[in-house]
C-alpha cells in the first residue's frame, strides 16, 4: 500500500483500509491516467478496480454509494469497475488495456 501515488495524490491509508474492510474488498487497484504522465491533478478523475472477498455480493446501493466514499478518500471523482466485470468483458481491447497496467494500493 502506498501512502502517496508518486507525489500526485495523497491517499489516507487508514481511510482506505477501513473503506475496503467495510465493503468486503480484498484488493483495490488503480488504472488509467492516474498511472500515466498525462494525469492532471486539477482535472483528472481516478479509475479504480475492486475485487471482493468470495461470497460478497452488493446491490445497487453499493454502486451508488461507493464512488462518493472513494471520492472523499482520493479527493476527486472516481470511476469504478470490478475486476471480475473487466475479466469477463467481451471487449478484448478494453480488457487488455485496463489489465495491462494497474497498481495495487490495497490488498488484504
N, C-alpha and C. Protein backbone atom coordinates (compact mmCIF):
# COMPACT_ATOMS: atom_id res chain seq x y z
N UNK A 1 0.86 -1.18 0.00
CA UNK A 1 0.00 0.00 0.00
C UNK A 1 0.89 1.22 0.00
N UNK A 2 0.61 2.14 -0.87
CA UNK A 2 1.40 3.36 -0.95
C UNK A 2 0.63 4.51 -0.34
N UNK A 3 1.32 5.33 0.42
CA UNK A 3 0.67 6.45 1.09
C UNK A 3 0.40 7.60 0.13
N UNK A 4 1.22 7.72 -0.88
CA UNK A 4 1.02 8.78 -1.87
C UNK A 4 1.47 8.25 -3.22
N UNK A 5 0.66 8.43 -4.21
CA UNK A 5 0.94 7.87 -5.52
C UNK A 5 1.85 8.81 -6.30
N UNK A 6 3.14 8.51 -6.26
CA UNK A 6 4.14 9.28 -7.00
C UNK A 6 4.03 10.79 -6.78
N UNK A 7 3.66 11.20 -5.59
CA UNK A 7 3.56 12.61 -5.27
C UNK A 7 2.39 13.32 -5.91
N UNK A 8 1.53 12.59 -6.60
CA UNK A 8 0.43 13.20 -7.34
C UNK A 8 -0.85 13.30 -6.53
N UNK A 9 -1.04 12.37 -5.62
CA UNK A 9 -2.34 12.28 -4.98
C UNK A 9 -2.17 11.66 -3.59
N UNK A 10 -2.47 12.41 -2.55
CA UNK A 10 -2.38 11.83 -1.21
C UNK A 10 -3.47 10.79 -1.01
N UNK A 11 -3.10 9.71 -0.34
CA UNK A 11 -4.06 8.65 -0.04
C UNK A 11 -3.97 8.36 1.46
N UNK A 12 -5.10 8.45 2.15
CA UNK A 12 -5.13 8.13 3.57
C UNK A 12 -5.21 6.62 3.73
N UNK A 13 -4.14 6.03 4.19
CA UNK A 13 -4.08 4.58 4.38
C UNK A 13 -5.19 4.10 5.30
N UNK A 14 -5.38 4.77 6.42
CA UNK A 14 -6.39 4.31 7.39
C UNK A 14 -7.80 4.40 6.82
N UNK A 15 -8.10 5.46 6.09
CA UNK A 15 -9.44 5.59 5.48
C UNK A 15 -9.65 4.54 4.40
N UNK A 16 -8.63 4.31 3.59
CA UNK A 16 -8.74 3.33 2.51
C UNK A 16 -8.93 1.92 3.08
N UNK A 17 -8.15 1.57 4.09
CA UNK A 17 -8.28 0.25 4.71
C UNK A 17 -9.64 0.07 5.36
N UNK A 18 -10.13 1.08 6.05
CA UNK A 18 -11.46 1.00 6.68
C UNK A 18 -12.55 0.85 5.62
N UNK A 19 -12.43 1.59 4.55
CA UNK A 19 -13.39 1.51 3.45
C UNK A 19 -13.41 0.09 2.87
N UNK A 20 -12.25 -0.46 2.58
CA UNK A 20 -12.17 -1.80 1.99
C UNK A 20 -12.72 -2.87 2.93
N UNK A 21 -12.42 -2.76 4.21
CA UNK A 21 -12.98 -3.73 5.17
C UNK A 21 -14.50 -3.62 5.23
N UNK A 22 -15.01 -2.40 5.25
CA UNK A 22 -16.46 -2.15 5.32
C UNK A 22 -17.20 -2.84 4.18
N UNK A 23 -16.65 -2.78 2.97
CA UNK A 23 -17.33 -3.29 1.79
C UNK A 23 -16.87 -4.67 1.35
N UNK A 24 -15.99 -5.32 2.10
CA UNK A 24 -15.53 -6.66 1.74
C UNK A 24 -14.62 -6.69 0.52
N UNK A 25 -13.85 -5.63 0.35
CA UNK A 25 -12.92 -5.53 -0.78
C UNK A 25 -11.57 -6.11 -0.35
N UNK A 26 -11.07 -7.07 -1.12
CA UNK A 26 -9.78 -7.68 -0.81
C UNK A 26 -8.63 -7.06 -1.59
N UNK A 27 -8.96 -6.40 -2.70
CA UNK A 27 -7.92 -5.72 -3.48
C UNK A 27 -8.54 -4.49 -4.14
N UNK A 28 -7.79 -3.40 -4.09
CA UNK A 28 -8.20 -2.17 -4.76
C UNK A 28 -7.01 -1.72 -5.60
N UNK A 29 -7.27 -1.56 -6.90
CA UNK A 29 -6.22 -1.20 -7.85
C UNK A 29 -6.59 0.08 -8.58
N UNK A 30 -5.59 0.81 -8.97
CA UNK A 30 -5.78 1.98 -9.81
C UNK A 30 -5.34 1.65 -11.23
N UNK A 31 -5.97 2.29 -12.20
CA UNK A 31 -5.56 2.14 -13.59
C UNK A 31 -5.86 3.45 -14.31
N UNK A 32 -5.47 3.53 -15.56
CA UNK A 32 -5.79 4.72 -16.35
C UNK A 32 -4.81 5.86 -16.14
N UNK A 33 -5.31 7.08 -16.32
CA UNK A 33 -4.44 8.26 -16.37
C UNK A 33 -3.69 8.52 -15.07
N UNK A 34 -4.23 8.07 -13.93
CA UNK A 34 -3.53 8.30 -12.66
C UNK A 34 -2.15 7.65 -12.66
N UNK A 35 -1.94 6.66 -13.52
CA UNK A 35 -0.65 5.97 -13.60
C UNK A 35 0.22 6.48 -14.75
N UNK A 36 -0.30 7.44 -15.48
CA UNK A 36 0.42 7.94 -16.65
C UNK A 36 0.86 9.39 -16.45
N UNK A 37 1.72 9.82 -17.35
CA UNK A 37 2.23 11.19 -17.30
C UNK A 37 1.16 12.23 -17.61
N UNK A 38 0.08 11.84 -18.30
CA UNK A 38 -0.96 12.81 -18.65
C UNK A 38 -1.97 13.05 -17.52
N UNK A 39 -1.73 12.49 -16.35
CA UNK A 39 -2.60 12.72 -15.20
C UNK A 39 -2.54 14.20 -14.83
N UNK A 40 -3.70 14.83 -14.73
CA UNK A 40 -3.80 16.24 -14.35
C UNK A 40 -4.44 16.32 -12.97
N UNK A 41 -3.66 16.63 -11.93
CA UNK A 41 -4.20 16.68 -10.58
C UNK A 41 -5.39 17.61 -10.42
N UNK A 42 -5.50 18.62 -11.28
CA UNK A 42 -6.61 19.57 -11.18
C UNK A 42 -7.88 19.08 -11.86
N UNK A 43 -7.75 18.16 -12.82
CA UNK A 43 -8.91 17.77 -13.62
C UNK A 43 -9.21 16.28 -13.66
N UNK A 44 -8.19 15.45 -13.56
CA UNK A 44 -8.37 14.02 -13.80
C UNK A 44 -9.15 13.34 -12.68
N UNK A 45 -9.97 12.36 -13.08
CA UNK A 45 -10.61 11.51 -12.10
C UNK A 45 -9.68 10.32 -11.83
N UNK A 46 -10.12 9.40 -10.99
CA UNK A 46 -9.34 8.22 -10.67
C UNK A 46 -10.13 7.00 -11.10
N UNK A 47 -9.48 6.13 -11.87
CA UNK A 47 -10.09 4.87 -12.30
C UNK A 47 -9.69 3.78 -11.32
N UNK A 48 -10.70 3.07 -10.79
CA UNK A 48 -10.49 2.11 -9.71
C UNK A 48 -11.07 0.75 -10.09
N UNK A 49 -10.29 -0.31 -9.81
CA UNK A 49 -10.75 -1.69 -9.92
C UNK A 49 -10.85 -2.26 -8.52
N UNK A 50 -11.94 -2.94 -8.21
CA UNK A 50 -12.06 -3.59 -6.91
C UNK A 50 -12.29 -5.08 -7.09
N UNK A 51 -11.78 -5.85 -6.14
CA UNK A 51 -12.01 -7.29 -6.06
C UNK A 51 -12.63 -7.56 -4.70
N UNK A 52 -13.73 -8.30 -4.69
CA UNK A 52 -14.43 -8.60 -3.45
C UNK A 52 -14.01 -9.95 -2.89
N UNK A 53 -14.15 -10.08 -1.58
CA UNK A 53 -13.94 -11.37 -0.92
C UNK A 53 -14.95 -12.37 -1.48
N UNK A 54 -14.59 -13.66 -1.52
CA UNK A 54 -15.53 -14.67 -2.02
C UNK A 54 -16.86 -14.61 -1.27
N UNK A 55 -17.94 -14.70 -2.01
CA UNK A 55 -19.27 -14.70 -1.41
C UNK A 55 -19.87 -13.33 -1.16
N UNK A 56 -19.09 -12.28 -1.32
CA UNK A 56 -19.60 -10.93 -1.09
C UNK A 56 -20.40 -10.49 -2.31
N UNK A 57 -21.62 -10.06 -2.06
CA UNK A 57 -22.49 -9.55 -3.12
C UNK A 57 -23.03 -8.20 -2.67
N UNK A 58 -23.09 -7.25 -3.59
CA UNK A 58 -23.62 -5.93 -3.29
C UNK A 58 -24.68 -5.58 -4.31
N UNK A 59 -25.67 -4.83 -3.85
CA UNK A 59 -26.73 -4.37 -4.73
C UNK A 59 -26.42 -2.99 -5.28
N UNK A 60 -27.46 -2.36 -5.79
CA UNK A 60 -27.30 -1.03 -6.38
C UNK A 60 -26.85 0.01 -5.37
N UNK A 61 -27.20 -0.18 -4.10
CA UNK A 61 -26.78 0.78 -3.07
C UNK A 61 -25.26 0.89 -3.02
N UNK A 62 -24.60 -0.22 -3.21
CA UNK A 62 -23.14 -0.23 -3.20
C UNK A 62 -22.60 0.64 -4.33
N UNK A 63 -23.09 0.41 -5.53
CA UNK A 63 -22.55 1.12 -6.68
C UNK A 63 -23.00 2.57 -6.75
N UNK A 64 -23.99 2.93 -5.95
CA UNK A 64 -24.34 4.35 -5.87
C UNK A 64 -23.59 5.04 -4.73
N UNK A 65 -23.21 4.29 -3.70
CA UNK A 65 -22.52 4.86 -2.54
C UNK A 65 -21.00 4.89 -2.69
N UNK A 66 -20.46 3.84 -3.24
CA UNK A 66 -19.01 3.68 -3.24
C UNK A 66 -18.25 4.79 -3.98
N UNK A 67 -18.71 5.26 -5.14
CA UNK A 67 -17.92 6.33 -5.79
C UNK A 67 -17.81 7.58 -4.93
N UNK A 68 -18.88 7.92 -4.21
CA UNK A 68 -18.82 9.10 -3.34
C UNK A 68 -17.85 8.88 -2.19
N UNK A 69 -17.88 7.69 -1.60
CA UNK A 69 -16.95 7.40 -0.50
C UNK A 69 -15.51 7.41 -0.98
N UNK A 70 -15.27 6.82 -2.15
CA UNK A 70 -13.91 6.83 -2.70
C UNK A 70 -13.47 8.24 -3.09
N UNK A 71 -14.40 9.04 -3.59
CA UNK A 71 -14.07 10.43 -3.95
C UNK A 71 -13.60 11.19 -2.72
N UNK A 72 -14.20 10.92 -1.56
CA UNK A 72 -13.75 11.55 -0.32
C UNK A 72 -12.33 11.12 0.03
N UNK A 73 -12.02 9.84 -0.19
CA UNK A 73 -10.69 9.32 0.14
C UNK A 73 -9.63 9.87 -0.83
N UNK A 74 -9.95 9.87 -2.12
CA UNK A 74 -8.98 10.29 -3.13
C UNK A 74 -9.00 11.78 -3.43
N UNK A 75 -10.04 12.47 -2.98
CA UNK A 75 -10.12 13.91 -3.20
C UNK A 75 -10.45 14.30 -4.62
N UNK A 76 -11.12 13.42 -5.34
CA UNK A 76 -11.52 13.67 -6.73
C UNK A 76 -12.55 12.62 -7.15
N UNK A 77 -13.20 12.85 -8.29
CA UNK A 77 -14.18 11.89 -8.78
C UNK A 77 -13.53 10.55 -9.08
N UNK A 78 -14.34 9.50 -8.97
CA UNK A 78 -13.85 8.14 -9.16
C UNK A 78 -14.74 7.41 -10.17
N UNK A 79 -14.11 6.69 -11.09
CA UNK A 79 -14.81 5.75 -11.95
C UNK A 79 -14.48 4.36 -11.44
N UNK A 80 -15.52 3.57 -11.18
CA UNK A 80 -15.35 2.27 -10.52
C UNK A 80 -15.72 1.12 -11.43
N UNK A 81 -14.87 0.11 -11.45
CA UNK A 81 -15.16 -1.15 -12.12
C UNK A 81 -14.77 -2.29 -11.19
N UNK A 82 -15.44 -3.42 -11.33
CA UNK A 82 -14.98 -4.60 -10.61
C UNK A 82 -14.01 -5.36 -11.52
N UNK A 83 -13.01 -5.96 -10.91
CA UNK A 83 -12.04 -6.74 -11.69
C UNK A 83 -12.76 -7.87 -12.41
N UNK A 84 -13.72 -8.48 -11.74
CA UNK A 84 -14.46 -9.59 -12.34
C UNK A 84 -15.17 -9.13 -13.62
N UNK A 85 -15.81 -7.97 -13.59
CA UNK A 85 -16.50 -7.47 -14.78
C UNK A 85 -15.53 -7.21 -15.93
N UNK A 86 -14.36 -6.68 -15.61
CA UNK A 86 -13.36 -6.43 -16.65
C UNK A 86 -12.86 -7.76 -17.22
N UNK A 87 -12.55 -8.72 -16.35
CA UNK A 87 -12.05 -10.01 -16.81
C UNK A 87 -13.07 -10.75 -17.67
N UNK A 88 -14.35 -10.54 -17.40
CA UNK A 88 -15.41 -11.23 -18.15
C UNK A 88 -15.91 -10.42 -19.35
N UNK A 89 -15.36 -9.27 -19.57
CA UNK A 89 -15.81 -8.41 -20.66
C UNK A 89 -15.55 -9.05 -22.02
N UNK A 90 -16.53 -8.96 -22.93
CA UNK A 90 -16.30 -9.47 -24.28
C UNK A 90 -15.43 -8.53 -25.11
N UNK A 91 -15.19 -7.32 -24.61
CA UNK A 91 -14.37 -6.34 -25.32
C UNK A 91 -12.90 -6.60 -24.97
N UNK A 92 -12.25 -7.41 -25.80
CA UNK A 92 -10.87 -7.81 -25.53
C UNK A 92 -9.90 -6.62 -25.51
N UNK A 93 -10.11 -5.66 -26.38
CA UNK A 93 -9.23 -4.49 -26.43
C UNK A 93 -9.29 -3.73 -25.11
N UNK A 94 -10.50 -3.46 -24.63
CA UNK A 94 -10.67 -2.73 -23.37
C UNK A 94 -10.09 -3.53 -22.20
N UNK A 95 -10.39 -4.82 -22.17
CA UNK A 95 -9.89 -5.69 -21.10
C UNK A 95 -8.37 -5.64 -21.03
N UNK A 96 -7.72 -5.83 -22.16
CA UNK A 96 -6.25 -5.83 -22.19
C UNK A 96 -5.69 -4.47 -21.81
N UNK A 97 -6.32 -3.40 -22.28
CA UNK A 97 -5.84 -2.05 -21.97
C UNK A 97 -5.91 -1.77 -20.47
N UNK A 98 -6.98 -2.20 -19.83
CA UNK A 98 -7.13 -1.95 -18.40
C UNK A 98 -6.19 -2.83 -17.59
N UNK A 99 -6.18 -4.14 -17.87
CA UNK A 99 -5.42 -5.07 -17.04
C UNK A 99 -3.92 -5.04 -17.30
N UNK A 100 -3.51 -4.43 -18.41
CA UNK A 100 -2.08 -4.37 -18.72
C UNK A 100 -1.31 -3.50 -17.74
N UNK A 101 -1.99 -2.52 -17.16
CA UNK A 101 -1.28 -1.62 -16.25
C UNK A 101 -2.20 -1.21 -15.12
N UNK A 102 -2.00 -1.84 -13.99
CA UNK A 102 -2.72 -1.48 -12.77
C UNK A 102 -1.70 -1.33 -11.65
N UNK A 103 -2.09 -0.64 -10.62
CA UNK A 103 -1.24 -0.52 -9.43
C UNK A 103 -2.11 -0.78 -8.21
N UNK A 104 -1.73 -1.80 -7.44
CA UNK A 104 -2.48 -2.17 -6.25
C UNK A 104 -2.15 -1.19 -5.13
N UNK A 105 -3.20 -0.59 -4.55
CA UNK A 105 -2.99 0.32 -3.43
C UNK A 105 -3.55 -0.24 -2.13
N UNK A 106 -4.30 -1.35 -2.23
CA UNK A 106 -4.77 -2.05 -1.03
C UNK A 106 -4.92 -3.52 -1.38
N UNK A 107 -4.45 -4.38 -0.47
CA UNK A 107 -4.66 -5.82 -0.61
C UNK A 107 -4.65 -6.44 0.78
N UNK A 108 -5.67 -7.26 1.04
CA UNK A 108 -5.73 -7.90 2.36
C UNK A 108 -5.37 -9.37 2.24
